[in-house]
Amino acid sequence: MLEYSIIGTMNMNIFGVPLTGSDICGFMGNTNEDLCEKWTIVGAFYPFSRNHNALGATPQEPYVWSTTV
């Protein structure tokens, strides 16, 4: 879904809708730390982005992942 969000955001900008983006780390289902980190990096360049997921899914905010660097 990360790949499709980049393409979708670019297409919407071409169509004249400037304020578009995606739900960082996905919306449905659970994600993992690696994917969420990559999605957050890409999301920094979207005109609009938010970390948002479905009710009952595992929390995916950056502060819930490991603190090792």
PDB file of N, CA and C in Angstrom:
ATOM      1  N   MET A   1       0.804  -1.186   0.000  1.00  0.00           N
ATOM      2  CA  MET A   1       0.000   0.000   0.000  1.00  0.00           C
ATOM      3  C   MET A   1       0.853   1.259   0.000  1.00  0.00           C
ATOM      4  N   LEU A   2       2.062   1.171   0.511  1.00  0.00           N
ATOM      5  CA  LEU A   2       2.945   2.341   0.525  1.00  0.00           C
ATOM      6  C   LEU A   2       3.189   2.838  -0.893  1.00  0.00           C
ATOM      7  N   GLU A   3       3.462   1.925  -1.807  1.00  0.00           N
ATOM      8  CA  GLU A   3       3.708   2.297  -3.203  1.00  0.00           C
ATOM      9  C   GLU A   3       2.477   2.971  -3.812  1.00  0.00           C
ATOM     10  N   TYR A   4       1.298   2.421  -3.553  1.00  0.00           N
ATOM     11  CA  TYR A   4       0.066   2.988  -4.114  1.00  0.00           C
ATOM     12  C   TYR A   4      -0.242   4.364  -3.537  1.00  0.00           C
ATOM     13  N   SER A   5       0.144   4.606  -2.292  1.00  0.00           N
ATOM     14  CA  SER A   5      -0.132   5.914  -1.705  1.00  0.00           C
ATOM     15  C   SER A   5       0.702   7.005  -2.368  1.00  0.00           C
ATOM     16  N   ILE A   6       1.927   6.679  -2.757  1.00  0.00           N
ATOM     17  CA  ILE A   6       2.780   7.656  -3.450  1.00  0.00           C
ATOM     18  C   ILE A   6       2.181   7.973  -4.817  1.00  0.00           C
ATOM     19  N   ILE A   7       1.811   6.946  -5.553  1.00  0.00           N
ATOM     20  CA  ILE A   7       1.220   7.134  -6.888  1.00  0.00           C
ATOM     21  C   ILE A   7      -0.103   7.883  -6.784  1.00  0.00           C
ATOM     22  N   GLY A   8      -0.941   7.511  -5.830  1.00  0.00           N
ATOM     23  CA  GLY A   8      -2.237   8.156  -5.658  1.00  0.00           C
ATOM     24  C   GLY A   8      -2.116   9.630  -5.314  1.00  0.00           C
ATOM     25  N   THR A   9      -1.175   9.963  -4.439  1.00  0.00           N
ATOM     26  CA  THR A   9      -0.962  11.362  -4.068  1.00  0.00           C
ATOM     27  C   THR A   9      -0.479  12.173  -5.256  1.00  0.00           C
ATOM     28  N   MET A  10       0.423  11.626  -6.029  1.00  0.00           N
ATOM     29  CA  MET A  10       0.907  12.338  -7.226  1.00  0.00           C
ATOM     30  C   MET A  10      -0.207  12.525  -8.244  1.00  0.00           C
ATOM     31  N   ASN A  11      -1.027  11.511  -8.446  1.00  0.00           N
ATOM     32  CA  ASN A  11      -2.140  11.626  -9.391  1.00  0.00           C
ATOM     33  C   ASN A  11      -3.150  12.673  -8.953  1.00  0.00           C
ATOM     34  N   MET A  12      -3.483  12.691  -7.682  1.00  0.00           N
ATOM     35  CA  MET A  12      -4.447  13.680  -7.204  1.00  0.00           C
ATOM     36  C   MET A  12      -3.927  15.105  -7.385  1.00  0.00           C
ATOM     37  N   ASN A  13      -2.624  15.301  -7.212  1.00  0.00           N
ATOM     38  CA  ASN A  13      -2.045  16.625  -7.435  1.00  0.00           C
ATOM     39  C   ASN A  13      -2.117  17.009  -8.908  1.00  0.00           C
ATOM     40  N   ILE A  14      -1.916  16.055  -9.798  1.00  0.00           N
ATOM     41  CA  ILE A  14      -2.037  16.323 -11.236  1.00  0.00           C
ATOM     42  C   ILE A  14      -3.475  16.700 -11.586  1.00  0.00           C
ATOM     43  N   PHE A  15      -4.445  16.071 -10.908  1.00  0.00           N
ATOM     44  CA  PHE A  15      -5.854  16.336 -11.177  1.00  0.00           C
ATOM     45  C   PHE A  15      -6.356  17.619 -10.524  1.00  0.00           C
ATOM     46  N   GLY A  16      -5.489  18.321  -9.799  1.00  0.00           N
ATOM     47  CA  GLY A  16      -5.868  19.603  -9.208  1.00  0.00           C
ATOM     48  C   GLY A  16      -6.346  19.530  -7.776  1.00  0.00           C
ATOM     49  N   VAL A  17      -6.104  18.432  -7.090  1.00  0.00           N
ATOM     50  CA  VAL A  17      -6.480  18.303  -5.681  1.00  0.00           C
ATOM     51  C   VAL A  17      -5.180  18.334  -4.878  1.00  0.00           C
ATOM     52  N   PRO A  18      -4.796  19.508  -4.363  1.00  0.00           N
ATOM     53  CA  PRO A  18      -3.471  19.631  -3.763  1.00  0.00           C
ATOM     54  C   PRO A  18      -3.322  19.044  -2.359  1.00  0.00           C
ATOM     55  N   LEU A  19      -4.387  19.002  -1.559  1.00  0.00           N
ATOM     56  CA  LEU A  19      -4.271  18.557  -0.175  1.00  0.00           C
ATOM     57  C   LEU A  19      -4.679  17.096  -0.056  1.00  0.00           C
ATOM     58  N   THR A  20      -3.775  16.197  -0.431  1.00  0.00           N
ATOM     59  CA  THR A  20      -4.034  14.764  -0.352  1.00  0.00           C
ATOM     60  C   THR A  20      -2.886  14.076   0.371  1.00  0.00           C
ATOM     61  N   GLY A  21      -3.124  12.892   0.807  1.00  0.00           N
ATOM     62  CA  GLY A  21      -2.098  12.120   1.488  1.00  0.00           C
ATOM     63  C   GLY A  21      -2.660  10.755   1.839  1.00  0.00           C
ATOM     64  N   SER A  22      -2.064  10.119   2.831  1.00  0.00           N
ATOM     65  CA  SER A  22      -2.530   8.791   3.216  1.00  0.00           C
ATOM     66  C   SER A  22      -2.426   8.618   4.719  1.00  0.00           C
ATOM     67  N   ASP A  23      -2.997   7.527   5.199  1.00  0.00           N
ATOM     68  CA  ASP A  23      -2.874   7.176   6.610  1.00  0.00           C
ATOM     69  C   ASP A  23      -1.515   6.507   6.802  1.00  0.00           C
ATOM     70  N   ILE A  24      -0.642   7.167   7.513  1.00  0.00           N
ATOM     71  CA  ILE A  24       0.706   6.650   7.737  1.00  0.00           C
ATOM     72  C   ILE A  24       0.613   5.303   8.463  1.00  0.00           C
ATOM     73  N   CYS A  25       1.354   4.339   8.028  1.00  0.00           N
ATOM     74  CA  CYS A  25       1.403   2.961   8.531  1.00  0.00           C
ATOM     75  C   CYS A  25       0.173   2.157   8.148  1.00  0.00           C
ATOM     76  N   GLY A  26      -0.667   2.681   7.272  1.00  0.00           N
ATOM     77  CA  GLY A  26      -1.855   1.958   6.840  1.00  0.00           C
ATOM     78  C   GLY A  26      -3.022   2.161   7.789  1.00  0.00           C
ATOM     79  N   PHE A  27      -4.189   1.693   7.386  1.00  0.00           N
ATOM     80  CA  PHE A  27      -5.387   1.859   8.210  1.00  0.00           C
ATOM     81  C   PHE A  27      -5.923   0.524   8.701  1.00  0.00           C
ATOM     82  N   MET A  28      -6.136  -0.415   7.797  1.00  0.00           N
ATOM     83  CA  MET A  28      -6.700  -1.710   8.177  1.00  0.00           C
ATOM     84  C   MET A  28      -5.587  -2.693   8.546  1.00  0.00           C
ATOM     85  N   GLY A  29      -5.815  -3.470   9.570  1.00  0.00           N
ATOM     86  CA  GLY A  29      -4.845  -4.489   9.970  1.00  0.00           C
ATOM     87  C   GLY A  29      -3.694  -3.918  10.775  1.00  0.00           C
ATOM     88  N   ASN A  30      -2.744  -4.772  11.063  1.00  0.00           N
ATOM     89  CA  ASN A  30      -1.581  -4.389  11.855  1.00  0.00           C
ATOM     90  C   ASN A  30      -0.361  -4.254  10.964  1.00  0.00           C
ATOM     91  N   THR A  31       0.597  -3.482  11.417  1.00  0.00           N
ATOM     92  CA  THR A  31       1.825  -3.262  10.674  1.00  0.00           C
ATOM     93  C   THR A  31       3.014  -3.678  11.529  1.00  0.00           C
ATOM     94  N   ASN A  32       4.212  -3.493  11.010  1.00  0.00           N
ATOM     95  CA  ASN A  32       5.402  -3.771  11.803  1.00  0.00           C
ATOM     96  C   ASN A  32       6.255  -2.501  11.889  1.00  0.00           C
ATOM     97  N   GLU A  33       7.240  -2.535  12.739  1.00  0.00           N
ATOM     98  CA  GLU A  33       8.058  -1.349  13.003  1.00  0.00           C
ATOM     99  C   GLU A  33       8.805  -0.875  11.760  1.00  0.00           C
ATOM    100  N   ASP A  34       9.371  -1.788  10.998  1.00  0.00           N
ATOM    101  CA  ASP A  34      10.157  -1.416   9.823  1.00  0.00           C
ATOM    102  C   ASP A  34       9.301  -0.706   8.774  1.00  0.00           C
ATOM    103  N   LEU A  35       8.155  -1.273   8.460  1.00  0.00           N
ATOM    104  CA  LEU A  35       7.272  -0.668   7.476  1.00  0.00           C
ATOM    105  C   LEU A  35       6.748   0.684   7.959  1.00  0.00           C
ATOM    106  N   CYS A  36       6.395   0.774   9.223  1.00  0.00           N
ATOM    107  CA  CYS A  36       5.876   2.025   9.761  1.00  0.00           C
ATOM    108  C   CYS A  36       6.942   3.122   9.729  1.00  0.00           C
ATOM    109  N   GLU A  37       8.184   2.763   9.985  1.00  0.00           N
ATOM    110  CA  GLU A  37       9.277   3.736   9.922  1.00  0.00           C
ATOM    111  C   GLU A  37       9.452   4.270   8.501  1.00  0.00           C
ATOM    112  N   LYS A  38       9.449   3.375   7.512  1.00  0.00           N
ATOM    113  CA  LYS A  38       9.580   3.802   6.116  1.00  0.00           C
ATOM    114  C   LYS A  38       8.404   4.670   5.690  1.00  0.00           C
ATOM    115  N   TRP A  39       7.208   4.299   6.106  1.00  0.00           N
ATOM    116  CA  TRP A  39       6.018   5.045   5.740  1.00  0.00           C
ATOM    117  C   TRP A  39       6.036   6.444   6.367  1.00  0.00           C
ATOM    118  N   THR A  40       6.547   6.562   7.588  1.00  0.00           N
ATOM    119  CA  THR A  40       6.658   7.864   8.241  1.00  0.00           C
ATOM    120  C   THR A  40       7.636   8.763   7.504  1.00  0.00           C
ATOM    121  N   ILE A  41       8.724   8.205   7.034  1.00  0.00           N
ATOM    122  CA  ILE A  41       9.709   8.986   6.274  1.00  0.00           C
ATOM    123  C   ILE A  41       9.100   9.500   4.977  1.00  0.00           C
ATOM    124  N   VAL A  42       8.391   8.643   4.253  1.00  0.00           N
ATOM    125  CA  VAL A  42       7.731   9.055   3.010  1.00  0.00           C
ATOM    126  C   VAL A  42       6.622  10.060   3.309  1.00  0.00           C
ATOM    127  N   GLY A  43       5.871   9.828   4.390  1.00  0.00           N
ATOM    128  CA  GLY A  43       4.761  10.699   4.745  1.00  0.00           C
ATOM    129  C   GLY A  43       5.169  12.123   5.073  1.00  0.00           C
ATOM    130  N   ALA A  44       6.430  12.324   5.434  1.00  0.00           N
ATOM    131  CA  ALA A  44       6.910  13.679   5.715  1.00  0.00           C
ATOM    132  C   ALA A  44       6.861  14.562   4.472  1.00  0.00           C
ATOM    133  N   PHE A  45       6.812  13.961   3.299  1.00  0.00           N
ATOM    134  CA  PHE A  45       6.795  14.722   2.050  1.00  0.00           C
ATOM    135  C   PHE A  45       5.405  14.821   1.423  1.00  0.00           C
ATOM    136  N   TYR A  46       4.385  14.229   2.060  1.00  0.00           N
ATOM    137  CA  TYR A  46       3.013  14.355   1.574  1.00  0.00           C
ATOM    138  C   TYR A  46       2.454  15.718   1.976  1.00  0.00           C
ATOM    139  N   PRO A  47       1.566  16.288   1.169  1.00  0.00           N
ATOM    140  CA  PRO A  47       0.910  17.526   1.588  1.00  0.00           C
ATOM    141  C   PRO A  47       0.061  17.326   2.851  1.00  0.00           C
ATOM    142  N   PHE A  48      -0.483  16.121   3.023  1.00  0.00           N
ATOM    143  CA  PHE A  48      -1.316  15.800   4.179  1.00  0.00           C
ATOM    144  C   PHE A  48      -1.017  14.369   4.599  1.00  0.00           C
ATOM    145  N   SER A  49      -0.737  14.164   5.867  1.00  0.00           N
ATOM    146  CA  SER A  49      -0.528  12.800   6.345  1.00  0.00           C
ATOM    147  C   SER A  49      -0.929  12.724   7.814  1.00  0.00           C
ATOM    148  N   ARG A  50      -1.324  11.540   8.220  1.00  0.00           N
ATOM    149  CA  ARG A  50      -1.673  11.323   9.616  1.00  0.00           C
ATOM    150  C   ARG A  50      -1.435   9.861   9.957  1.00  0.00           C
ATOM    151  N   ASN A  51      -1.095   9.599  11.189  1.00  0.00           N
ATOM    152  CA  ASN A  51      -0.954   8.232  11.670  1.00  0.00           C
ATOM    153  C   ASN A  51      -2.297   7.851  12.259  1.00  0.00           C
ATOM    154  N   HIS A  52      -3.006   6.999  11.545  1.00  0.00           N
ATOM    155  CA  HIS A  52      -4.399   6.710  11.883  1.00  0.00           C
ATOM    156  C   HIS A  52      -4.669   5.248  11.554  1.00  0.00           C
ATOM    157  N   ASN A  53      -5.310   4.515  12.481  1.00  0.00           N
ATOM    158  CA  ASN A  53      -5.652   3.124  12.176  1.00  0.00           C
ATOM    159  C   ASN A  53      -7.021   2.769  12.725  1.00  0.00           C
ATOM    160  N   ALA A  54      -7.494   1.580  12.403  1.00  0.00           N
ATOM    161  CA  ALA A  54      -8.835   1.134  12.757  1.00  0.00           C
ATOM    162  C   ALA A  54      -8.951   0.804  14.248  1.00  0.00           C
ATOM    163  N   LEU A  55     -10.170   0.848  14.741  1.00  0.00           N
ATOM    164  CA  LEU A  55     -10.425   0.465  16.123  1.00  0.00           C
ATOM    165  C   LEU A  55     -10.056  -0.999  16.327  1.00  0.00           C
ATOM    166  N   GLY A  56      -9.419  -1.292  17.432  1.00  0.00           N
ATOM    167  CA  GLY A  56      -9.053  -2.667  17.750  1.00  0.00           C
ATOM    168  C   GLY A  56      -7.724  -3.111  17.170  1.00  0.00           C
ATOM    169  N   ALA A  57      -7.112  -2.306  16.316  1.00  0.00           N
ATOM    170  CA  ALA A  57      -5.807  -2.661  15.740  1.00  0.00           C
ATOM    171  C   ALA A  57      -4.696  -2.316  16.738  1.00  0.00           C
ATOM    172  N   THR A  58      -3.550  -2.929  16.565  1.00  0.00           N
ATOM    173  CA  THR A  58      -2.404  -2.656  17.417  1.00  0.00           C
ATOM    174  C   THR A  58      -1.964  -1.206  17.247  1.00  0.00           C
ATOM    175  N   PRO A  59      -1.659  -0.492  18.335  1.00  0.00           N
ATOM    176  CA  PRO A  59      -1.192   0.895  18.202  1.00  0.00           C
ATOM    177  C   PRO A  59       0.052   0.968  17.324  1.00  0.00           C
ATOM    178  N   GLN A  60       0.161   2.018  16.535  1.00  0.00           N
ATOM    179  CA  GLN A  60       1.286   2.138  15.601  1.00  0.00           C
ATOM    180  C   GLN A  60       1.956   3.509  15.654  1.00  0.00           C
ATOM    181  N   GLU A  61       1.744   4.246  16.735  1.00  0.00           N
ATOM    182  CA  GLU A  61       2.415   5.525  16.882  1.00  0.00           C
ATOM    183  C   GLU A  61       3.911   5.289  17.075  1.00  0.00           C
ATOM    184  N   PRO A  62       4.744   6.261  16.694  1.00  0.00           N
ATOM    185  CA  PRO A  62       6.204   6.059  16.794  1.00  0.00           C
ATOM    186  C   PRO A  62       6.693   5.749  18.210  1.00  0.00           C
ATOM    187  N   TYR A  63       6.034   6.254  19.236  1.00  0.00           N
ATOM    188  CA  TYR A  63       6.514   6.031  20.595  1.00  0.00           C
ATOM    189  C   TYR A  63       6.237   4.623  21.131  1.00  0.00           C
ATOM    190  N   VAL A  64       5.448   3.812  20.442  1.00  0.00           N
ATOM    191  CA  VAL A  64       5.189   2.449  20.921  1.00  0.00           C
ATOM    192  C   VAL A  64       6.210   1.447  20.395  1.00  0.00           C
ATOM    193  N   TRP A  65       7.029   1.826  19.433  1.00  0.00           N
ATOM    194  CA  TRP A  65       8.030   0.916  18.880  1.00  0.00           C
ATOM    195  C   TRP A  65       9.279   0.940  19.741  1.00  0.00           C
ATOM    196  N   SER A  66      10.243   0.116  19.441  1.00  0.00           N
ATOM    197  CA  SER A  66      11.461   0.014  20.261  1.00  0.00           C
ATOM    198  C   SER A  66      12.247   1.323  20.244  1.00  0.00           C
ATOM    199  N   THR A  67      13.048   1.517  21.234  1.00  0.00           N
ATOM    200  CA  THR A  67      13.827   2.758  21.336  1.00  0.00           C
ATOM    201  C   THR A  67      15.273   2.550  20.892  1.00  0.00           C
ATOM    202  N   THR A  68      15.622   1.374  20.386  1.00  0.00           N
ATOM    203  CA  THR A  68      16.993   1.145  19.922  1.00  0.00           C
ATOM    204  C   THR A  68      17.210   1.827  18.590  1.00  0.00           C
ATOM    205  N   VAL A  69      18.402   2.319  18.396  1.00  0.00           N
ATOM    206  CA  VAL A  69      18.735   3.015  17.150  1.00  0.00           C
ATOM    207  C   VAL A  69      19.761   2.226  16.392  1.00  0.00           C
TER     208      VAL A  69
END
